[in-house]
Amino acid sequence: MAALAVLVLAGACTDTLPAGTTVVAAPVAVEKAPAPPVPAPPAADLSTLPVVDPLHVVPGLPGTDGLPQRPNDDPALGRWQTAVSAFWPVARSMALGIAALALPLAGLHQLVGGKGFTVGAMTMMFLGNPLAGIATTGAWLPAGLGTFGQLLPPGATGALVRSAAYFGGAGGLVPALTLAAWVVVGAVLNALGIRRAATVGDAAAV
């Protein structure tokens, strides 16, 4: 049926062409019009943009840290909170965290020796770091594990730095007290280790 239909159509086309007509398949040249030029963008008027003044608070204008401007407690760093004005609180938080981690490890080494330091360092590395919740906060960790992680120096340091950097110190009291407790524990361990070493030295001298 398909072949019959093709023959009928071919015959109909042949009947409509004059005798002696030759059909030639040849490419057709079409002249393409050039694309219109792109107009140049107008010059930006920078005078209409708001100017960030580090000495004056502009309500609603974000600071360099992406947060809305808020009054700063330190007038020497300007009157609005920025990433620069949070530098010293963050630095102090990190220093306290380093002390809370280093002093207990040094105290264990002083009191027990290399084995004590190894146990303490492995505890902080394999328990403190995974349970610190620095990227997601301890609330996103399983119940109980997140709370335990916040009691260790890595977790408390992360919470305190986050509080100082983004929330103006809000919620940083508990982490700060936790780190201070670890510093006290480290100082006590160091004192006991030094006293023990002095006692052993005196006994050996006798």
N, C-alpha and C. Protein backbone atom coordinates (compact mmCIF):
# COMPACT_ATOMS: atom_id res chain seq x y z
N MET A 1 0.83 -1.20 0.00
CA MET A 1 0.00 0.00 0.00
C MET A 1 0.87 1.26 0.00
N ALA A 2 1.94 1.21 0.77
CA ALA A 2 2.83 2.37 0.82
C ALA A 2 3.48 2.62 -0.53
N ALA A 3 3.91 1.53 -1.18
CA ALA A 3 4.53 1.69 -2.50
C ALA A 3 3.54 2.23 -3.51
N LEU A 4 2.28 1.77 -3.44
CA LEU A 4 1.25 2.26 -4.35
C LEU A 4 1.00 3.74 -4.15
N ALA A 5 0.99 4.19 -2.88
CA ALA A 5 0.78 5.61 -2.61
C ALA A 5 1.92 6.45 -3.16
N VAL A 6 3.15 5.94 -3.05
CA VAL A 6 4.30 6.67 -3.59
C VAL A 6 4.20 6.81 -5.09
N LEU A 7 3.78 5.73 -5.76
CA LEU A 7 3.65 5.79 -7.24
C LEU A 7 2.56 6.76 -7.66
N VAL A 8 1.45 6.80 -6.92
CA VAL A 8 0.38 7.73 -7.27
C VAL A 8 0.84 9.17 -7.11
N LEU A 9 1.54 9.46 -6.00
CA LEU A 9 2.03 10.83 -5.79
C LEU A 9 3.05 11.22 -6.84
N ALA A 10 3.93 10.29 -7.19
CA ALA A 10 4.92 10.60 -8.23
C ALA A 10 4.25 10.89 -9.55
N GLY A 11 3.21 10.12 -9.87
CA GLY A 11 2.50 10.37 -11.12
C GLY A 11 1.80 11.70 -11.12
N ALA A 12 1.23 12.08 -9.98
CA ALA A 12 0.54 13.37 -9.90
C ALA A 12 1.51 14.51 -10.05
N CYS A 13 2.68 14.37 -9.45
CA CYS A 13 3.69 15.44 -9.60
C CYS A 13 4.18 15.53 -11.03
N THR A 14 4.31 14.40 -11.65
CA THR A 14 4.80 14.40 -13.04
C THR A 14 3.80 15.04 -13.97
N ASP A 15 2.51 14.85 -13.71
CA ASP A 15 1.49 15.43 -14.58
C ASP A 15 1.44 16.93 -14.48
N THR A 16 1.81 17.49 -13.32
CA THR A 16 1.72 18.94 -13.17
C THR A 16 2.89 19.68 -13.77
N LEU A 17 4.02 19.00 -14.05
CA LEU A 17 5.19 19.66 -14.63
C LEU A 17 5.09 19.70 -16.15
N PRO A 18 5.49 20.84 -16.73
CA PRO A 18 5.49 20.91 -18.22
C PRO A 18 6.48 19.90 -18.81
N ALA A 19 6.24 19.54 -20.04
CA ALA A 19 7.14 18.61 -20.71
C ALA A 19 8.50 19.23 -20.90
N GLY A 20 9.54 18.44 -20.67
CA GLY A 20 10.91 18.93 -20.83
C GLY A 20 11.46 19.65 -19.63
N THR A 21 10.73 19.67 -18.54
CA THR A 21 11.21 20.35 -17.32
C THR A 21 12.17 19.42 -16.59
N THR A 22 13.32 19.98 -16.18
CA THR A 22 14.32 19.21 -15.44
C THR A 22 14.45 19.79 -14.03
N VAL A 23 14.32 18.93 -13.05
CA VAL A 23 14.42 19.36 -11.66
C VAL A 23 15.86 19.11 -11.19
N VAL A 24 16.52 20.14 -10.70
CA VAL A 24 17.90 20.06 -10.25
C VAL A 24 17.93 20.49 -8.76
N ALA A 25 18.52 19.65 -7.92
CA ALA A 25 18.69 19.98 -6.50
C ALA A 25 19.98 20.78 -6.34
N ALA A 26 19.86 22.06 -6.00
CA ALA A 26 21.02 22.93 -5.87
C ALA A 26 20.89 23.75 -4.59
N PRO A 27 22.02 24.08 -3.91
CA PRO A 27 21.94 24.91 -2.70
C PRO A 27 21.46 26.31 -3.02
N VAL A 28 20.71 26.85 -2.10
CA VAL A 28 20.17 28.20 -2.26
C VAL A 28 20.99 29.15 -1.39
N ALA A 29 21.56 30.16 -1.95
CA ALA A 29 22.36 31.14 -1.22
C ALA A 29 21.45 32.20 -0.63
N VAL A 30 21.52 32.36 0.66
CA VAL A 30 20.70 33.35 1.37
C VAL A 30 21.66 34.31 2.08
N GLU A 31 21.50 35.56 1.80
CA GLU A 31 22.37 36.56 2.44
C GLU A 31 21.89 36.81 3.87
N LYS A 32 22.81 36.64 4.82
CA LYS A 32 22.49 36.82 6.23
C LYS A 32 22.72 38.26 6.64
N ALA A 33 21.76 38.78 7.35
CA ALA A 33 21.90 40.15 7.83
C ALA A 33 22.82 40.19 9.05
N PRO A 34 23.67 41.17 9.17
CA PRO A 34 24.57 41.25 10.33
C PRO A 34 23.77 41.51 11.62
N ALA A 35 24.29 40.99 12.72
CA ALA A 35 23.64 41.20 14.01
C ALA A 35 23.74 42.65 14.42
N PRO A 36 22.71 43.18 15.03
CA PRO A 36 22.78 44.59 15.44
C PRO A 36 23.79 44.77 16.56
N PRO A 37 24.47 45.88 16.58
CA PRO A 37 25.48 46.10 17.64
C PRO A 37 24.82 46.21 19.02
N VAL A 38 25.56 45.70 20.01
CA VAL A 38 25.07 45.76 21.39
C VAL A 38 25.39 47.13 21.96
N PRO A 39 24.40 47.82 22.46
CA PRO A 39 24.69 49.16 23.01
C PRO A 39 25.53 49.06 24.28
N ALA A 40 26.40 50.00 24.45
CA ALA A 40 27.27 50.03 25.64
C ALA A 40 26.43 50.35 26.87
N PRO A 41 26.69 49.66 28.01
CA PRO A 41 25.91 49.95 29.23
C PRO A 41 26.23 51.34 29.75
N PRO A 42 25.26 51.95 30.35
CA PRO A 42 25.52 53.30 30.89
C PRO A 42 26.50 53.23 32.05
N ALA A 43 27.22 54.28 32.25
CA ALA A 43 28.19 54.35 33.34
C ALA A 43 27.46 54.34 34.69
N ALA A 44 28.00 53.57 35.63
CA ALA A 44 27.38 53.47 36.95
C ALA A 44 27.64 54.74 37.74
N ASP A 45 26.59 55.20 38.39
CA ASP A 45 26.70 56.40 39.22
C ASP A 45 26.95 55.95 40.66
N LEU A 46 28.23 55.92 41.07
CA LEU A 46 28.59 55.46 42.40
C LEU A 46 28.19 56.43 43.50
N SER A 47 27.85 57.63 43.11
CA SER A 47 27.48 58.62 44.14
C SER A 47 26.14 58.30 44.79
N THR A 48 25.33 57.46 44.12
CA THR A 48 24.02 57.12 44.69
C THR A 48 24.10 55.94 45.65
N LEU A 49 25.26 55.25 45.73
CA LEU A 49 25.38 54.10 46.62
C LEU A 49 25.57 54.56 48.06
N PRO A 50 25.05 53.78 49.02
CA PRO A 50 25.26 54.16 50.44
C PRO A 50 26.71 53.96 50.83
N VAL A 51 27.21 54.84 51.63
CA VAL A 51 28.59 54.82 52.08
C VAL A 51 28.63 54.24 53.50
N VAL A 52 29.47 53.24 53.71
CA VAL A 52 29.63 52.63 55.03
C VAL A 52 30.60 53.47 55.84
N ASP A 53 30.09 54.07 56.86
CA ASP A 53 30.90 54.90 57.75
C ASP A 53 31.18 54.10 59.01
N PRO A 54 32.45 53.70 59.26
CA PRO A 54 32.73 52.87 60.44
C PRO A 54 32.55 53.59 61.77
N LEU A 55 32.32 54.88 61.74
CA LEU A 55 32.16 55.62 62.99
C LEU A 55 30.71 55.94 63.30
N HIS A 56 29.79 55.63 62.39
CA HIS A 56 28.39 55.95 62.61
C HIS A 56 27.53 54.77 62.18
N VAL A 57 26.51 54.50 62.95
CA VAL A 57 25.61 53.39 62.67
C VAL A 57 24.58 53.83 61.65
N VAL A 58 24.46 53.07 60.57
CA VAL A 58 23.44 53.31 59.56
C VAL A 58 22.42 52.19 59.68
N PRO A 59 21.24 52.43 60.20
CA PRO A 59 20.28 51.34 60.42
C PRO A 59 19.94 50.62 59.11
N GLY A 60 19.96 49.30 59.19
CA GLY A 60 19.60 48.48 58.04
C GLY A 60 20.73 48.19 57.08
N LEU A 61 21.84 48.90 57.20
CA LEU A 61 22.96 48.67 56.28
C LEU A 61 23.86 47.60 56.86
N PRO A 62 24.13 46.52 56.11
CA PRO A 62 24.94 45.44 56.68
C PRO A 62 26.39 45.85 56.85
N GLY A 63 27.02 45.27 57.85
CA GLY A 63 28.44 45.51 58.07
C GLY A 63 29.28 44.59 57.20
N THR A 64 30.59 44.61 57.41
CA THR A 64 31.49 43.81 56.60
C THR A 64 31.35 42.32 56.88
N ASP A 65 30.70 41.95 57.99
CA ASP A 65 30.51 40.54 58.29
C ASP A 65 29.17 40.03 57.78
N GLY A 66 28.41 40.87 57.06
CA GLY A 66 27.15 40.43 56.51
C GLY A 66 25.98 40.55 57.47
N LEU A 67 26.23 40.93 58.72
CA LEU A 67 25.17 41.06 59.70
C LEU A 67 24.72 42.52 59.79
N PRO A 68 23.48 42.75 60.21
CA PRO A 68 23.03 44.14 60.39
C PRO A 68 23.91 44.86 61.40
N GLN A 69 24.07 46.13 61.17
CA GLN A 69 24.91 46.91 62.07
C GLN A 69 24.28 46.97 63.45
N ARG A 70 25.08 46.87 64.46
CA ARG A 70 24.62 46.97 65.83
C ARG A 70 25.69 47.71 66.63
N PRO A 71 25.31 48.35 67.72
CA PRO A 71 26.29 49.13 68.50
C PRO A 71 27.42 48.25 69.00
N ASN A 72 28.60 48.82 69.04
CA ASN A 72 29.79 48.11 69.49
C ASN A 72 30.17 48.61 70.87
N ASP A 73 30.57 47.68 71.72
CA ASP A 73 30.96 48.06 73.08
C ASP A 73 32.32 48.76 73.14
N ASP A 74 33.14 48.55 72.12
CA ASP A 74 34.48 49.13 72.11
C ASP A 74 34.49 50.32 71.16
N PRO A 75 34.47 51.56 71.66
CA PRO A 75 34.43 52.72 70.77
C PRO A 75 35.68 52.87 69.93
N ALA A 76 36.78 52.26 70.35
CA ALA A 76 38.00 52.38 69.58
C ALA A 76 37.91 51.66 68.24
N LEU A 77 37.00 50.69 68.15
CA LEU A 77 36.83 49.93 66.92
C LEU A 77 35.64 50.40 66.12
N GLY A 78 35.10 51.56 66.43
CA GLY A 78 33.93 52.04 65.71
C GLY A 78 32.67 51.81 66.52
N ARG A 79 31.58 52.33 66.02
CA ARG A 79 30.33 52.23 66.76
C ARG A 79 29.42 51.13 66.24
N TRP A 80 29.87 50.38 65.26
CA TRP A 80 29.04 49.29 64.76
C TRP A 80 29.84 48.02 64.65
N GLN A 81 29.16 46.90 64.88
CA GLN A 81 29.81 45.60 64.97
C GLN A 81 30.19 45.10 63.58
N THR A 82 31.44 44.70 63.43
CA THR A 82 31.92 44.13 62.18
C THR A 82 32.80 42.93 62.49
N ALA A 83 33.28 42.28 61.42
CA ALA A 83 34.20 41.17 61.63
C ALA A 83 35.49 41.65 62.29
N VAL A 84 35.89 42.90 62.00
CA VAL A 84 37.11 43.43 62.59
C VAL A 84 36.91 43.67 64.08
N SER A 85 35.74 44.19 64.46
CA SER A 85 35.51 44.47 65.87
C SER A 85 35.34 43.20 66.68
N ALA A 86 35.06 42.06 66.03
CA ALA A 86 34.95 40.78 66.74
C ALA A 86 36.29 40.05 66.82
N PHE A 87 37.36 40.67 66.33
CA PHE A 87 38.64 39.98 66.29
C PHE A 87 39.15 39.65 67.69
N TRP A 88 39.16 40.65 68.57
CA TRP A 88 39.73 40.41 69.90
C TRP A 88 38.87 39.46 70.74
N PRO A 89 37.55 39.55 70.73
CA PRO A 89 36.78 38.52 71.45
C PRO A 89 37.02 37.12 70.92
N VAL A 90 37.14 36.98 69.61
CA VAL A 90 37.42 35.65 69.05
C VAL A 90 38.82 35.20 69.44
N ALA A 91 39.79 36.12 69.40
CA ALA A 91 41.15 35.76 69.77
C ALA A 91 41.23 35.33 71.24
N ARG A 92 40.53 36.06 72.09
CA ARG A 92 40.54 35.66 73.51
C ARG A 92 39.87 34.30 73.71
N SER A 93 38.80 34.06 72.97
CA SER A 93 38.12 32.76 73.09
C SER A 93 39.02 31.62 72.64
N MET A 94 39.73 31.83 71.55
CA MET A 94 40.63 30.79 71.06
C MET A 94 41.80 30.58 72.02
N ALA A 95 42.32 31.67 72.59
CA ALA A 95 43.41 31.53 73.56
C ALA A 95 42.97 30.75 74.78
N LEU A 96 41.76 31.02 75.26
CA LEU A 96 41.24 30.28 76.41
C LEU A 96 41.05 28.80 76.05
N GLY A 97 40.59 28.53 74.83
CA GLY A 97 40.42 27.14 74.40
C GLY A 97 41.75 26.41 74.28
N ILE A 98 42.76 27.10 73.77
CA ILE A 98 44.09 26.47 73.66
C ILE A 98 44.64 26.16 75.04
N ALA A 99 44.47 27.10 75.98
CA ALA A 99 44.95 26.87 77.34
C ALA A 99 44.20 25.72 78.00
N ALA A 100 42.89 25.64 77.76
CA ALA A 100 42.09 24.56 78.35
C ALA A 100 42.46 23.20 77.79
N LEU A 101 43.03 23.17 76.62
CA LEU A 101 43.46 21.90 76.03
C LEU A 101 44.91 21.57 76.37
N ALA A 102 45.75 22.59 76.37
CA ALA A 102 47.19 22.35 76.56
C ALA A 102 47.55 22.09 78.02
N LEU A 103 46.97 22.85 78.94
CA LEU A 103 47.35 22.70 80.35
C LEU A 103 47.02 21.32 80.92
N PRO A 104 45.83 20.76 80.68
CA PRO A 104 45.59 19.40 81.19
C PRO A 104 46.51 18.36 80.58
N LEU A 105 46.81 18.48 79.28
CA LEU A 105 47.72 17.51 78.66
C LEU A 105 49.12 17.64 79.25
N ALA A 106 49.57 18.88 79.44
CA ALA A 106 50.88 19.07 80.06
C ALA A 106 50.88 18.57 81.50
N GLY A 107 49.76 18.77 82.22
CA GLY A 107 49.69 18.27 83.59
C GLY A 107 49.70 16.76 83.65
N LEU A 108 49.01 16.08 82.73
CA LEU A 108 49.05 14.63 82.69
C LEU A 108 50.46 14.12 82.41
N HIS A 109 51.15 14.80 81.51
CA HIS A 109 52.52 14.41 81.21
C HIS A 109 53.42 14.65 82.42
N GLN A 110 53.19 15.72 83.13
CA GLN A 110 53.99 16.04 84.30
C GLN A 110 53.73 15.06 85.45
N LEU A 111 52.47 14.63 85.56
CA LEU A 111 52.09 13.79 86.70
C LEU A 111 52.28 12.30 86.42
N VAL A 112 51.89 11.86 85.23
CA VAL A 112 51.90 10.42 84.92
C VAL A 112 53.02 10.06 83.95
N GLY A 113 53.39 11.01 83.10
CA GLY A 113 54.41 10.71 82.11
C GLY A 113 53.82 10.66 80.71
N GLY A 114 54.57 10.06 79.81
CA GLY A 114 54.15 10.00 78.42
C GLY A 114 52.85 9.25 78.21
N LYS A 115 52.59 8.23 79.01
CA LYS A 115 51.35 7.48 78.87
C LYS A 115 50.13 8.34 79.19
N GLY A 116 50.24 9.16 80.21
CA GLY A 116 49.13 10.05 80.55
C GLY A 116 48.86 11.05 79.45
N PHE A 117 49.95 11.60 78.89
CA PHE A 117 49.77 12.55 77.78
C PHE A 117 49.13 11.87 76.59
N THR A 118 49.54 10.64 76.29
CA THR A 118 48.99 9.93 75.13
C THR A 118 47.50 9.65 75.31
N VAL A 119 47.12 9.19 76.50
CA VAL A 119 45.70 8.92 76.76
C VAL A 119 44.88 10.21 76.65
N GLY A 120 45.38 11.29 77.23
CA GLY A 120 44.66 12.55 77.15
C GLY A 120 44.54 13.08 75.74
N ALA A 121 45.63 13.02 74.97
CA ALA A 121 45.59 13.51 73.60
C ALA A 121 44.66 12.67 72.73
N MET A 122 44.68 11.34 72.90
CA MET A 122 43.79 10.49 72.11
C MET A 122 42.33 10.73 72.49
N THR A 123 42.07 11.00 73.77
CA THR A 123 40.70 11.30 74.18
C THR A 123 40.20 12.57 73.52
N MET A 124 41.03 13.61 73.50
CA MET A 124 40.62 14.87 72.87
C MET A 124 40.49 14.73 71.37
N MET A 125 41.34 13.89 70.76
CA MET A 125 41.31 13.76 69.31
C MET A 125 40.15 12.90 68.84
N PHE A 126 39.95 11.75 69.48
CA PHE A 126 38.97 10.79 68.98
C PHE A 126 37.60 10.94 69.62
N LEU A 127 37.49 11.69 70.71
CA LEU A 127 36.19 11.96 71.32
C LEU A 127 35.85 13.45 71.26
N GLY A 128 36.82 14.29 71.64
CA GLY A 128 36.55 15.72 71.69
C GLY A 128 36.27 16.32 70.33
N ASN A 129 37.09 15.99 69.34
CA ASN A 129 36.89 16.59 68.01
C ASN A 129 35.61 16.12 67.33
N PRO A 130 35.32 14.82 67.25
CA PRO A 130 34.08 14.42 66.58
C PRO A 130 32.81 14.90 67.28
N LEU A 131 32.85 15.01 68.60
CA LEU A 131 31.66 15.41 69.36
C LEU A 131 31.63 16.91 69.65
N ALA A 132 32.56 17.67 69.06
CA ALA A 132 32.60 19.11 69.34
C ALA A 132 31.43 19.84 68.70
N GLY A 133 30.97 19.38 67.55
CA GLY A 133 29.86 20.06 66.88
C GLY A 133 30.21 21.46 66.44
N ILE A 134 31.45 21.66 66.01
CA ILE A 134 31.86 23.02 65.63
C ILE A 134 31.14 23.49 64.38
N ALA A 135 30.94 22.60 63.42
CA ALA A 135 30.29 23.00 62.17
C ALA A 135 28.78 23.09 62.31
N THR A 136 28.18 22.33 63.22
CA THR A 136 26.72 22.27 63.29
C THR A 136 26.17 22.55 64.67
N THR A 137 26.99 22.81 65.66
CA THR A 137 26.63 22.94 67.08
C THR A 137 26.27 21.57 67.65
N GLY A 138 26.40 21.45 68.97
CA GLY A 138 26.13 20.17 69.61
C GLY A 138 24.68 19.76 69.55
N ALA A 139 23.76 20.69 69.26
CA ALA A 139 22.34 20.35 69.20
C ALA A 139 22.02 19.41 68.07
N TRP A 140 22.87 19.34 67.04
CA TRP A 140 22.63 18.46 65.90
C TRP A 140 23.21 17.07 66.10
N LEU A 141 23.92 16.86 67.18
CA LEU A 141 24.48 15.55 67.48
C LEU A 141 23.46 14.72 68.26
N PRO A 142 23.62 13.40 68.30
CA PRO A 142 22.68 12.57 69.06
C PRO A 142 22.59 13.02 70.52
N ALA A 143 21.41 12.80 71.09
CA ALA A 143 21.16 13.23 72.47
C ALA A 143 22.18 12.60 73.41
N GLY A 144 22.74 13.41 74.27
CA GLY A 144 23.75 12.94 75.22
C GLY A 144 25.15 13.13 74.70
N LEU A 145 25.39 12.73 73.46
CA LEU A 145 26.73 12.88 72.88
C LEU A 145 27.06 14.35 72.65
N GLY A 146 26.06 15.11 72.20
CA GLY A 146 26.31 16.54 71.99
C GLY A 146 26.62 17.26 73.29
N THR A 147 25.89 16.91 74.35
CA THR A 147 26.15 17.52 75.65
C THR A 147 27.53 17.13 76.18
N PHE A 148 27.88 15.87 76.02
CA PHE A 148 29.20 15.42 76.45
C PHE A 148 30.30 16.13 75.66
N GLY A 149 30.10 16.30 74.36
CA GLY A 149 31.10 16.99 73.55
C GLY A 149 31.30 18.44 73.95
N GLN A 150 30.22 19.09 74.42
CA GLN A 150 30.35 20.49 74.84
C GLN A 150 31.08 20.63 76.17
N LEU A 151 31.23 19.53 76.89
CA LEU A 151 31.98 19.57 78.16
C LEU A 151 33.47 19.39 77.95
N LEU A 152 33.88 19.01 76.77
CA LEU A 152 35.30 18.85 76.46
C LEU A 152 35.83 20.14 75.84
N PRO A 153 37.13 20.40 75.94
CA PRO A 153 37.67 21.67 75.43
C PRO A 153 37.37 21.96 73.96
N PRO A 154 37.48 21.01 73.02
CA PRO A 154 37.17 21.36 71.63
C PRO A 154 35.75 21.86 71.43
N GLY A 155 34.78 21.17 72.03
CA GLY A 155 33.39 21.60 71.87
C GLY A 155 33.11 22.93 72.54
N ALA A 156 33.64 23.12 73.75
CA ALA A 156 33.43 24.39 74.44
C ALA A 156 34.11 25.54 73.71
N THR A 157 35.27 25.28 73.13
CA THR A 157 35.97 26.33 72.37
C THR A 157 35.17 26.72 71.14
N GLY A 158 34.65 25.74 70.42
CA GLY A 158 33.84 26.06 69.24
C GLY A 158 32.61 26.87 69.59
N ALA A 159 31.93 26.50 70.68
CA ALA A 159 30.74 27.25 71.09
C ALA A 159 31.09 28.68 71.51
N LEU A 160 32.20 28.85 72.21
CA LEU A 160 32.59 30.19 72.67
C LEU A 160 33.02 31.06 71.49
N VAL A 161 33.76 30.50 70.55
CA VAL A 161 34.18 31.28 69.38
C VAL A 161 32.97 31.66 68.54
N ARG A 162 32.04 30.76 68.37
CA ARG A 162 30.82 31.07 67.61
C ARG A 162 30.03 32.18 68.28
N SER A 163 29.95 32.12 69.60
CA SER A 163 29.23 33.15 70.33
C SER A 163 29.90 34.52 70.19
N ALA A 164 31.23 34.54 70.27
CA ALA A 164 31.96 35.81 70.17
C ALA A 164 31.93 36.37 68.75
N ALA A 165 31.96 35.50 67.75
CA ALA A 165 32.08 35.96 66.37
C ALA A 165 30.75 36.42 65.79
N TYR A 166 29.65 35.75 66.14
CA TYR A 166 28.38 36.00 65.46
C TYR A 166 27.28 36.55 66.35
N PHE A 167 27.38 36.36 67.65
CA PHE A 167 26.27 36.73 68.52
C PHE A 167 26.66 37.70 69.62
N GLY A 168 27.80 38.36 69.46
CA GLY A 168 28.20 39.37 70.42
C GLY A 168 28.42 38.85 71.82
N GLY A 169 28.78 37.56 71.96
CA GLY A 169 29.03 36.98 73.26
C GLY A 169 27.82 36.32 73.91
N ALA A 170 26.64 36.44 73.29
CA ALA A 170 25.44 35.83 73.87
C ALA A 170 25.57 34.31 73.86
N GLY A 171 25.26 33.70 74.97
CA GLY A 171 25.35 32.25 75.08
C GLY A 171 26.75 31.73 75.30
N GLY A 172 27.69 32.60 75.60
CA GLY A 172 29.07 32.15 75.77
C GLY A 172 29.50 31.94 77.21
N LEU A 173 28.59 32.16 78.17
CA LEU A 173 28.98 32.03 79.57
C LEU A 173 29.30 30.59 79.94
N VAL A 174 28.44 29.67 79.57
CA VAL A 174 28.66 28.26 79.93
C VAL A 174 29.94 27.72 79.27
N PRO A 175 30.16 27.93 77.96
CA PRO A 175 31.44 27.47 77.39
C PRO A 175 32.65 28.11 78.05
N ALA A 176 32.56 29.40 78.39
CA ALA A 176 33.69 30.07 79.04
C ALA A 176 33.98 29.45 80.41
N LEU A 177 32.93 29.18 81.18
CA LEU A 177 33.13 28.55 82.48
C LEU A 177 33.68 27.14 82.34
N THR A 178 33.24 26.43 81.31
CA THR A 178 33.75 25.08 81.07
C THR A 178 35.24 25.11 80.76
N LEU A 179 35.64 26.03 79.91
CA LEU A 179 37.06 26.14 79.58
C LEU A 179 37.87 26.59 80.78
N ALA A 180 37.32 27.50 81.57
CA ALA A 180 38.02 27.94 82.78
C ALA A 180 38.23 26.77 83.74
N ALA A 181 37.22 25.91 83.85
CA ALA A 181 37.37 24.73 84.71
C ALA A 181 38.48 23.82 84.22
N TRP A 182 38.58 23.64 82.92
CA TRP A 182 39.66 22.81 82.37
C TRP A 182 41.02 23.45 82.61
N VAL A 183 41.09 24.78 82.56
CA VAL A 183 42.35 25.46 82.86
C VAL A 183 42.75 25.22 84.32
N VAL A 184 41.78 25.31 85.22
CA VAL A 184 42.07 25.06 86.64
C VAL A 184 42.53 23.61 86.84
N VAL A 185 41.84 22.67 86.18
CA VAL A 185 42.24 21.27 86.30
C VAL A 185 43.67 21.08 85.79
N GLY A 186 43.97 21.71 84.66
CA GLY A 186 45.33 21.60 84.13
C GLY A 186 46.36 22.19 85.06
N ALA A 187 46.05 23.34 85.67
CA ALA A 187 47.00 23.96 86.61
C ALA A 187 47.22 23.08 87.83
N VAL A 188 46.14 22.45 88.33
CA VAL A 188 46.28 21.55 89.48
C VAL A 188 47.12 20.34 89.12
N LEU A 189 46.89 19.76 87.95
CA LEU A 189 47.69 18.60 87.53
C LEU A 189 49.16 18.97 87.38
N ASN A 190 49.41 20.15 86.82
CA ASN A 190 50.81 20.58 86.70
C ASN A 190 51.45 20.78 88.06
N ALA A 191 50.70 21.38 89.00
CA ALA A 191 51.26 21.59 90.33
C ALA A 191 51.54 20.27 91.03
N LEU A 192 50.61 19.31 90.89
CA LEU A 192 50.83 18.00 91.50
C LEU A 192 52.02 17.28 90.86
N GLY A 193 52.14 17.43 89.54
CA GLY A 193 53.26 16.79 88.86
C GLY A 193 54.59 17.38 89.27
N ILE A 194 54.65 18.70 89.40
CA ILE A 194 55.89 19.34 89.82
C ILE A 194 56.24 18.94 91.26
N ARG A 195 55.24 18.90 92.12
CA ARG A 195 55.48 18.49 93.51
C ARG A 195 55.94 17.04 93.58
N ARG A 196 55.32 16.18 92.79
CA ARG A 196 55.73 14.77 92.79
C ARG A 196 57.15 14.60 92.28
N ALA A 197 57.49 15.36 91.22
CA ALA A 197 58.86 15.28 90.70
C ALA A 197 59.86 15.78 91.73
N ALA A 198 59.51 16.83 92.48
CA ALA A 198 60.42 17.34 93.52
C ALA A 198 60.58 16.33 94.63
N THR A 199 59.49 15.65 95.02
CA THR A 199 59.57 14.64 96.08
C THR A 199 60.43 13.47 95.66
N VAL A 200 60.24 13.02 94.42
CA VAL A 200 61.04 11.92 93.91
C VAL A 200 62.50 12.32 93.84
N GLY A 201 62.77 13.55 93.44
CA GLY A 201 64.15 14.01 93.37
C GLY A 201 64.81 14.07 94.73
N ASP A 202 64.08 14.53 95.74
CA ASP A 202 64.62 14.59 97.09
C ASP A 202 64.89 13.18 97.62
N ALA A 203 63.97 12.27 97.35
CA ALA A 203 64.18 10.89 97.82
C ALA A 203 65.38 10.25 97.15
N ALA A 204 65.56 10.54 95.87
CA ALA A 204 66.72 9.98 95.17
C ALA A 204 68.02 10.58 95.67
N ALA A 205 67.97 11.85 96.06
CA ALA A 205 69.19 12.49 96.57
C ALA A 205 69.61 11.90 97.91
N VAL A 206 68.62 11.52 98.72
CA VAL A 206 68.93 10.90 100.01
C VAL A 206 69.45 9.50 99.84
